[in-house]
Protein backbone atom coordinates (compact mmCIF):
# COMPACT_ATOMS: atom_id res chain seq x y z
CA MET A 1 75.42 20.23 -21.50
CA GLU A 2 79.19 20.48 -21.19
CA LEU A 3 81.09 18.32 -18.71
CA HIS A 4 82.01 21.32 -16.56
CA ASP A 5 78.28 22.08 -16.25
CA VAL A 6 77.64 18.47 -15.28
CA TRP A 7 80.28 18.64 -12.58
CA PHE A 8 78.88 21.89 -11.25
CA VAL A 9 75.56 20.08 -10.81
CA LEU A 10 77.26 17.05 -9.23
CA ILE A 11 79.13 19.21 -6.74
CA ALA A 12 75.84 20.95 -5.90
CA VAL A 13 74.32 17.50 -5.28
CA LEU A 14 77.22 16.51 -3.02
CA TRP A 15 76.89 19.67 -0.93
CA THR A 16 73.13 19.16 -0.77
CA GLY A 17 73.60 15.61 0.48
CA TYR A 18 76.14 16.78 3.03
CA PHE A 19 73.89 19.48 4.44
CA PHE A 20 70.88 17.14 4.49
CA LEU A 21 72.72 14.44 6.45
CA GLU A 22 75.23 16.41 8.47
CA GLY A 23 72.50 18.99 9.09
CA PHE A 24 70.52 16.77 11.47
CA ASP A 25 73.84 15.43 12.75
CA PHE A 26 74.92 18.94 13.80
CA GLY A 27 71.41 19.62 15.07
CA VAL A 28 71.44 16.64 17.41
CA GLY A 29 74.85 17.71 18.71
CA ILE A 30 73.45 21.15 19.50
CA LEU A 31 70.44 19.60 21.21
CA THR A 32 72.67 17.84 23.74
CA LYS A 33 72.63 21.18 25.59
CA LEU A 34 69.26 22.57 24.53
CA LEU A 35 67.07 19.50 24.95
CA ALA A 36 68.74 16.87 27.14
CA ARG A 37 68.17 17.29 30.88
CA ASN A 38 70.56 14.67 32.22
CA ARG A 39 73.31 12.27 31.21
CA PRO A 40 71.01 9.41 30.05
CA GLU A 41 69.14 11.81 27.75
CA ARG A 42 72.41 13.15 26.34
CA ARG A 43 73.46 9.58 25.68
CA VAL A 44 70.16 8.92 23.90
CA LEU A 45 70.75 11.88 21.61
CA ILE A 46 74.32 10.89 20.87
CA ASN A 47 73.28 7.29 20.23
CA THR A 48 70.75 8.37 17.59
CA ILE A 49 73.62 9.57 15.40
CA GLY A 50 76.38 7.31 16.72
CA PRO A 51 76.21 4.78 13.88
CA VAL A 52 75.94 7.35 11.07
CA TRP A 53 77.80 10.58 11.87
CA ASP A 54 81.09 9.48 10.30
CA GLY A 55 79.36 8.27 7.13
CA ASN A 56 77.65 11.65 6.82
CA GLU A 57 81.03 13.39 6.74
CA VAL A 58 82.06 11.36 3.70
CA TRP A 59 79.86 13.70 1.65
CA LEU A 60 82.05 16.64 2.70
CA LEU A 61 85.24 14.84 1.74
CA THR A 62 83.75 13.90 -1.60
CA ALA A 63 82.50 17.43 -2.27
CA GLY A 64 85.92 18.89 -1.44
CA GLY A 65 87.73 16.30 -3.53
CA ALA A 66 85.39 16.80 -6.49
CA THR A 67 85.88 20.56 -6.33
CA PHE A 68 89.66 20.13 -6.25
CA ALA A 69 89.66 17.81 -9.26
CA ALA A 70 86.92 19.41 -11.38
CA PHE A 71 87.47 23.09 -10.58
CA PRO A 72 91.04 23.60 -9.30
CA GLU A 73 90.88 27.41 -9.65
CA TRP A 74 87.71 27.48 -7.55
CA TYR A 75 89.27 25.21 -4.93
CA ALA A 76 92.47 27.29 -4.77
CA THR A 77 90.68 30.63 -4.40
CA LEU A 78 88.11 29.28 -1.96
CA PHE A 79 90.50 27.52 0.39
CA SER A 80 93.12 30.27 0.36
CA GLY A 81 90.63 33.12 0.80
CA PHE A 82 88.47 31.32 3.39
CA TYR A 83 91.45 29.70 5.06
CA LEU A 84 90.78 30.65 8.70
CA PRO A 85 87.02 29.90 8.79
CA LEU A 86 87.56 26.59 6.98
CA LEU A 87 90.43 25.74 9.33
CA VAL A 88 88.12 26.35 12.30
CA ILE A 89 85.54 24.03 10.71
CA LEU A 90 88.19 21.37 10.12
CA VAL A 91 89.44 21.55 13.72
CA CYS A 92 85.85 21.32 14.97
CA LEU A 93 85.18 18.23 12.87
CA ILE A 94 88.37 16.58 14.12
CA VAL A 95 87.60 17.32 17.78
CA ARG A 96 84.00 16.27 17.25
CA GLY A 97 85.04 12.88 15.91
CA VAL A 98 87.43 12.38 18.82
CA ALA A 99 84.66 13.36 21.26
CA PHE A 100 82.29 10.75 19.87
CA GLU A 101 84.92 8.03 20.18
CA TYR A 102 86.46 8.99 23.54
CA ARG A 103 83.37 10.09 25.48
CA ALA A 104 82.59 6.56 26.72
CA LYS A 105 86.18 5.43 27.27
CA ARG A 106 86.05 6.36 30.96
CA PRO A 107 83.09 6.29 33.38
CA GLU A 108 83.83 9.52 35.28
CA GLU A 109 81.07 12.10 34.97
CA ASN A 110 83.47 15.02 34.40
CA TRP A 111 85.21 13.15 31.60
CA GLN A 112 81.97 12.42 29.76
CA ARG A 113 80.50 15.87 30.41
CA ASN A 114 83.59 17.58 28.96
CA TRP A 115 83.42 15.53 25.78
CA GLU A 116 79.68 16.17 25.50
CA THR A 117 80.39 19.90 25.80
CA ALA A 118 82.91 19.51 23.00
CA ILE A 119 80.25 17.80 20.86
CA PHE A 120 77.92 20.75 21.43
CA TRP A 121 80.39 23.46 20.43
CA THR A 122 81.90 21.52 17.54
CA SER A 123 78.39 21.04 16.17
CA LEU A 124 77.25 24.64 16.66
CA ILE A 125 80.31 26.41 15.24
CA PRO A 126 80.45 24.55 11.88
CA ALA A 127 76.67 24.80 11.52
CA PHE A 128 77.06 28.58 11.65
CA LEU A 129 80.28 28.91 9.64
CA TRP A 130 79.03 26.83 6.71
CA GLY A 131 76.24 29.35 6.22
CA VAL A 132 78.76 32.20 6.39
CA ALA A 133 80.97 30.48 3.82
CA PHE A 134 78.17 29.85 1.32
CA GLY A 135 76.78 33.32 1.88
CA ASN A 136 80.12 34.67 0.67
CA ILE A 137 80.36 32.22 -2.21
CA VAL A 138 76.95 33.26 -3.54
CA GLY A 139 77.09 36.93 -2.58
CA GLY A 140 80.56 37.42 -4.00
CA VAL A 141 83.94 38.35 -2.56
CA LYS A 142 86.93 40.51 -3.47
CA ILE A 143 88.65 38.58 -6.27
CA ASP A 144 91.29 40.32 -8.41
CA ARG A 145 92.23 39.82 -12.06
CA ASN A 146 94.47 36.88 -11.08
CA PHE A 147 91.51 35.08 -9.48
CA GLU A 148 92.96 35.59 -6.02
CA TYR A 149 91.00 36.66 -2.94
CA ILE A 150 92.38 39.99 -1.72
CA GLY A 151 89.91 40.72 1.08
CA THR A 152 90.35 40.15 4.81
CA VAL A 153 88.82 37.66 7.22
CA GLY A 154 86.61 40.46 8.51
CA ASP A 155 85.16 40.99 5.03
CA LEU A 156 83.73 37.48 5.17
CA PHE A 157 81.53 38.38 8.14
CA ASN A 158 79.29 40.78 6.27
CA PRO A 159 75.53 41.14 6.99
CA TYR A 160 74.41 38.82 4.18
CA ALA A 161 76.87 36.07 5.17
CA LEU A 162 76.05 36.41 8.87
CA LEU A 163 72.36 36.01 8.08
CA GLY A 164 73.26 32.91 6.07
CA GLY A 165 75.10 31.56 9.10
CA LEU A 166 72.09 32.10 11.34
CA VAL A 167 69.88 30.35 8.79
CA THR A 168 72.03 27.23 8.62
CA LEU A 169 72.41 27.20 12.41
CA THR A 170 68.68 27.36 13.10
CA LEU A 171 67.70 25.17 10.14
CA PHE A 172 70.11 22.41 11.16
CA THR A 173 68.89 22.65 14.76
CA PHE A 174 65.30 22.31 13.57
CA HIS A 175 66.29 19.39 11.32
CA GLY A 176 68.02 17.75 14.28
CA ALA A 177 65.02 18.27 16.58
CA VAL A 178 62.71 16.63 14.06
CA PHE A 179 65.19 13.76 13.62
CA THR A 180 65.31 13.34 17.40
CA ALA A 181 61.52 13.15 17.58
CA LEU A 182 61.63 10.53 14.81
CA LYS A 183 64.30 8.40 16.50
CA THR A 184 63.29 8.50 20.17
CA VAL A 185 60.46 7.44 22.46
CA GLY A 186 59.01 8.82 25.66
CA ASP A 187 59.28 12.28 27.13
CA ILE A 188 62.32 13.31 25.12
CA ARG A 189 60.38 12.68 21.92
CA LEU A 190 57.57 15.00 23.02
CA ARG A 191 59.96 17.73 24.11
CA ALA A 192 61.85 17.43 20.83
CA ARG A 193 58.62 18.14 18.94
CA LYS A 194 57.89 21.19 21.09
CA LEU A 195 61.40 22.52 20.62
CA ALA A 196 61.20 21.86 16.88
CA LEU A 197 58.16 24.12 16.68
CA ARG A 198 59.91 27.02 18.43
CA VAL A 199 63.14 26.69 16.48
CA GLY A 200 61.23 26.14 13.25
CA LEU A 201 59.34 29.41 13.58
CA VAL A 202 62.60 31.32 14.07
CA THR A 203 64.10 29.44 11.14
CA ALA A 204 61.17 30.36 8.90
CA VAL A 205 61.64 34.08 9.55
CA LEU A 206 65.41 34.01 9.04
CA ALA A 207 65.28 31.73 6.00
CA LEU A 208 62.61 33.78 4.28
CA GLY A 209 64.67 36.94 4.71
CA PHE A 210 67.87 35.29 3.47
CA LEU A 211 66.29 33.61 0.45
CA LEU A 212 64.41 36.77 -0.56
CA TRP A 213 67.66 38.74 -0.29
CA THR A 214 69.37 36.15 -2.50
CA GLN A 215 66.54 36.22 -5.01
CA ALA A 216 66.58 40.02 -5.18
CA ASP A 217 70.35 40.17 -5.77
CA ARG A 218 71.04 37.21 -8.05
CA GLY A 219 67.88 35.20 -8.58
CA ASP A 220 65.95 34.24 -11.71
CA SER A 221 62.80 32.26 -12.41
CA LYS A 222 64.45 28.92 -11.58
CA SER A 223 65.76 30.10 -8.24
CA LEU A 224 62.34 31.59 -7.48
CA VAL A 225 60.76 28.15 -7.89
CA ALA A 226 63.35 26.70 -5.49
CA LEU A 227 62.60 29.49 -3.00
CA ILE A 228 58.88 28.75 -3.07
CA VAL A 229 59.51 25.02 -2.61
CA ALA A 230 61.85 25.68 0.34
CA VAL A 231 59.40 27.94 2.15
CA ALA A 232 56.41 25.68 1.46
CA ALA A 233 58.31 22.60 2.65
CA LEU A 234 59.36 24.33 5.87
CA VAL A 235 55.78 25.37 6.64
CA ALA A 236 54.57 21.85 5.86
CA ALA A 237 57.30 20.39 8.11
CA LEU A 238 56.07 22.55 10.99
CA VAL A 239 52.48 21.41 10.41
CA ALA A 240 53.51 17.74 10.23
CA ASN A 241 55.51 18.17 13.42
CA GLN A 242 52.47 19.54 15.22
CA LEU A 243 50.39 16.60 14.00
CA GLY A 244 52.95 14.15 15.35
CA ARG A 245 53.94 12.89 11.89
CA GLU A 246 57.66 12.82 12.55
CA GLY A 247 58.55 10.92 9.40
CA TRP A 248 56.82 13.45 7.16
CA SER A 249 58.23 16.34 9.17
CA PHE A 250 61.79 15.05 8.80
CA ALA A 251 61.36 14.44 5.08
CA LEU A 252 59.93 17.93 4.57
CA SER A 253 62.66 19.60 6.61
CA GLY A 254 65.06 17.73 4.35
CA VAL A 255 63.25 19.10 1.30
CA THR A 256 63.71 22.57 2.78
CA ILE A 257 67.47 22.05 2.93
CA VAL A 258 67.60 20.55 -0.57
CA ALA A 259 65.56 23.37 -2.11
CA SER A 260 67.52 26.06 -0.26
CA VAL A 261 70.90 24.71 -1.40
CA ALA A 262 69.51 24.28 -4.92
CA MET A 263 68.44 27.92 -4.91
CA LEU A 264 71.93 29.03 -3.89
CA PHE A 265 73.59 27.07 -6.69
CA LEU A 266 70.97 28.18 -9.23
CA SER A 267 71.65 31.79 -8.22
CA LEU A 268 75.38 31.20 -8.50
CA PHE A 269 75.53 29.53 -11.95
CA PRO A 270 77.44 30.01 -14.26
CA ASN A 271 79.74 31.58 -11.68
CA VAL A 272 81.41 29.52 -8.99
CA MET A 273 82.79 32.54 -7.10
CA PRO A 274 81.61 36.00 -8.22
CA SER A 275 83.99 38.95 -7.87
CA THR A 276 82.58 42.07 -6.23
CA LEU A 277 85.41 44.13 -7.74
CA ASN A 278 84.80 43.37 -11.41
CA ALA A 279 82.35 40.90 -12.93
CA ASP A 280 84.98 39.95 -15.53
CA TRP A 281 87.22 38.68 -12.72
CA SER A 282 84.62 36.21 -11.45
CA LEU A 283 85.43 32.52 -11.42
CA THR A 284 83.05 30.61 -13.67
CA VAL A 285 82.43 26.99 -14.59
CA THR A 286 84.48 27.66 -17.72
CA ASN A 287 87.58 29.46 -16.51
CA ALA A 288 87.87 27.50 -13.25
CA SER A 289 87.44 23.97 -14.61
CA SER A 290 89.90 21.18 -15.34
CA SER A 291 90.58 19.86 -18.82
CA PRO A 292 87.80 17.98 -20.65
CA TYR A 293 89.85 14.75 -20.43
CA THR A 294 90.13 15.05 -16.63
CA LEU A 295 86.40 15.66 -16.32
CA LYS A 296 85.69 12.67 -18.55
CA ILE A 297 87.76 10.32 -16.38
CA MET A 298 86.11 11.70 -13.25
CA THR A 299 82.67 11.13 -14.73
CA TRP A 300 83.36 7.44 -15.34
CA CYS A 301 84.74 6.99 -11.82
CA ALA A 302 81.73 8.74 -10.27
CA ALA A 303 79.29 6.66 -12.31
CA ILE A 304 80.81 3.45 -10.92
CA ALA A 305 81.47 4.44 -7.30
CA THR A 306 78.47 6.61 -6.42
CA PRO A 307 75.75 3.91 -6.56
CA LEU A 308 77.84 1.63 -4.32
CA VAL A 309 78.33 4.36 -1.72
CA LEU A 310 74.63 5.23 -1.74
CA LEU A 311 73.63 1.59 -1.31
CA TYR A 312 76.01 1.11 1.61
CA GLN A 313 74.92 4.26 3.40
CA GLY A 314 71.25 3.47 2.81
CA TRP A 315 71.79 0.01 4.29
CA THR A 316 73.41 1.58 7.39
CA TYR A 317 70.38 3.77 8.03
CA TRP A 318 68.07 0.78 7.54
CA VAL A 319 69.95 -1.36 10.08
CA PHE A 320 69.84 1.40 12.72
CA ARG A 321 66.29 2.55 12.03
CA LYS A 322 64.71 1.68 15.42
CA ARG A 323 63.75 4.26 18.02
CA ILE A 324 65.59 4.46 21.33
CA GLY A 325 64.88 5.98 24.73
CA THR A 326 66.34 6.34 28.20
CA GLN A 327 65.12 2.84 29.04
CA HIS A 328 67.74 1.54 26.62
CA ILE A 329 70.53 3.36 28.46
CA ALA A 330 72.35 1.72 31.37
CA LEU A 331 72.10 3.76 34.57
CA GLU A 332 75.80 3.50 35.32
CA PRO A 333 77.81 3.43 32.10
CA SER A 334 81.19 1.84 32.31
CA ALA A 335 84.36 2.59 30.44
CA GLY A 336 84.26 1.24 26.93
CA ALA A 337 80.46 1.05 26.92
CA ALA A 338 78.73 1.08 23.55
CA HIS A 339 78.03 4.53 22.15
């Protein structure tokens, strides 16, 4: 296996890790409006991800940085062609981070409610737009002979990409509902399980349609295996949720995300951005990659740094593993209260 193939796999792993972790993160943010009935319950939801949301976003930064260094042509075409949607995602992530930090700085109800509304929208919009973006990456876009995107913003919102956006939106919401059931106690835990069932059924229909569409257009035997694993894991997650096995349900919803992302990258390889104008103009792991020396240096750096990052993040989740409920929330929060 060539180094550019190795880095294609590593970038796929980074995006998979990001969607697994930020997926439930976005889902919980969406649930602040769909599940929580009052301010204490919204605070419970936000507190379940409070210690980990910023660490989850490190996976995005790493994936973007790895793409820039390993496949500069891919990075240039992707970020210039998808400039507006990716800018919207970036603004949402910035506002979302500010909302988490500033929500508890003042005790006024309007102040906290406005920031909680910001958390909802800045979770929902990226959850949808990431699916749109990857739908276009896998489905192909208008790339010319100079490897430049020549389509419009409207071209990005085609039926296949829009379906991909709905899949990531519902799948992340389901993932977040299962995570909420795993991390909470009391009535909110029970309602999270009920909501997970409803959202999960919608997700199953949308995901099956999207993955079958992908398989029909670009799939092979390997991607078919990933499709089967994704669908089976989602069904099993729904069953585990109904049985009250939140840990298994969360793990299986995570497997669904992992298998789905794996299927997309398996369908994409050896391309990194297919051209719908001419197959010869597609960006591939070969013509979009950096020099072998650059990839070699990157490989050594990744081999040293990655285990340390994984150990630190794993330790963070272990420290904050306990369930919480409204009984752990002060009735009258004050400015600067823990969040």
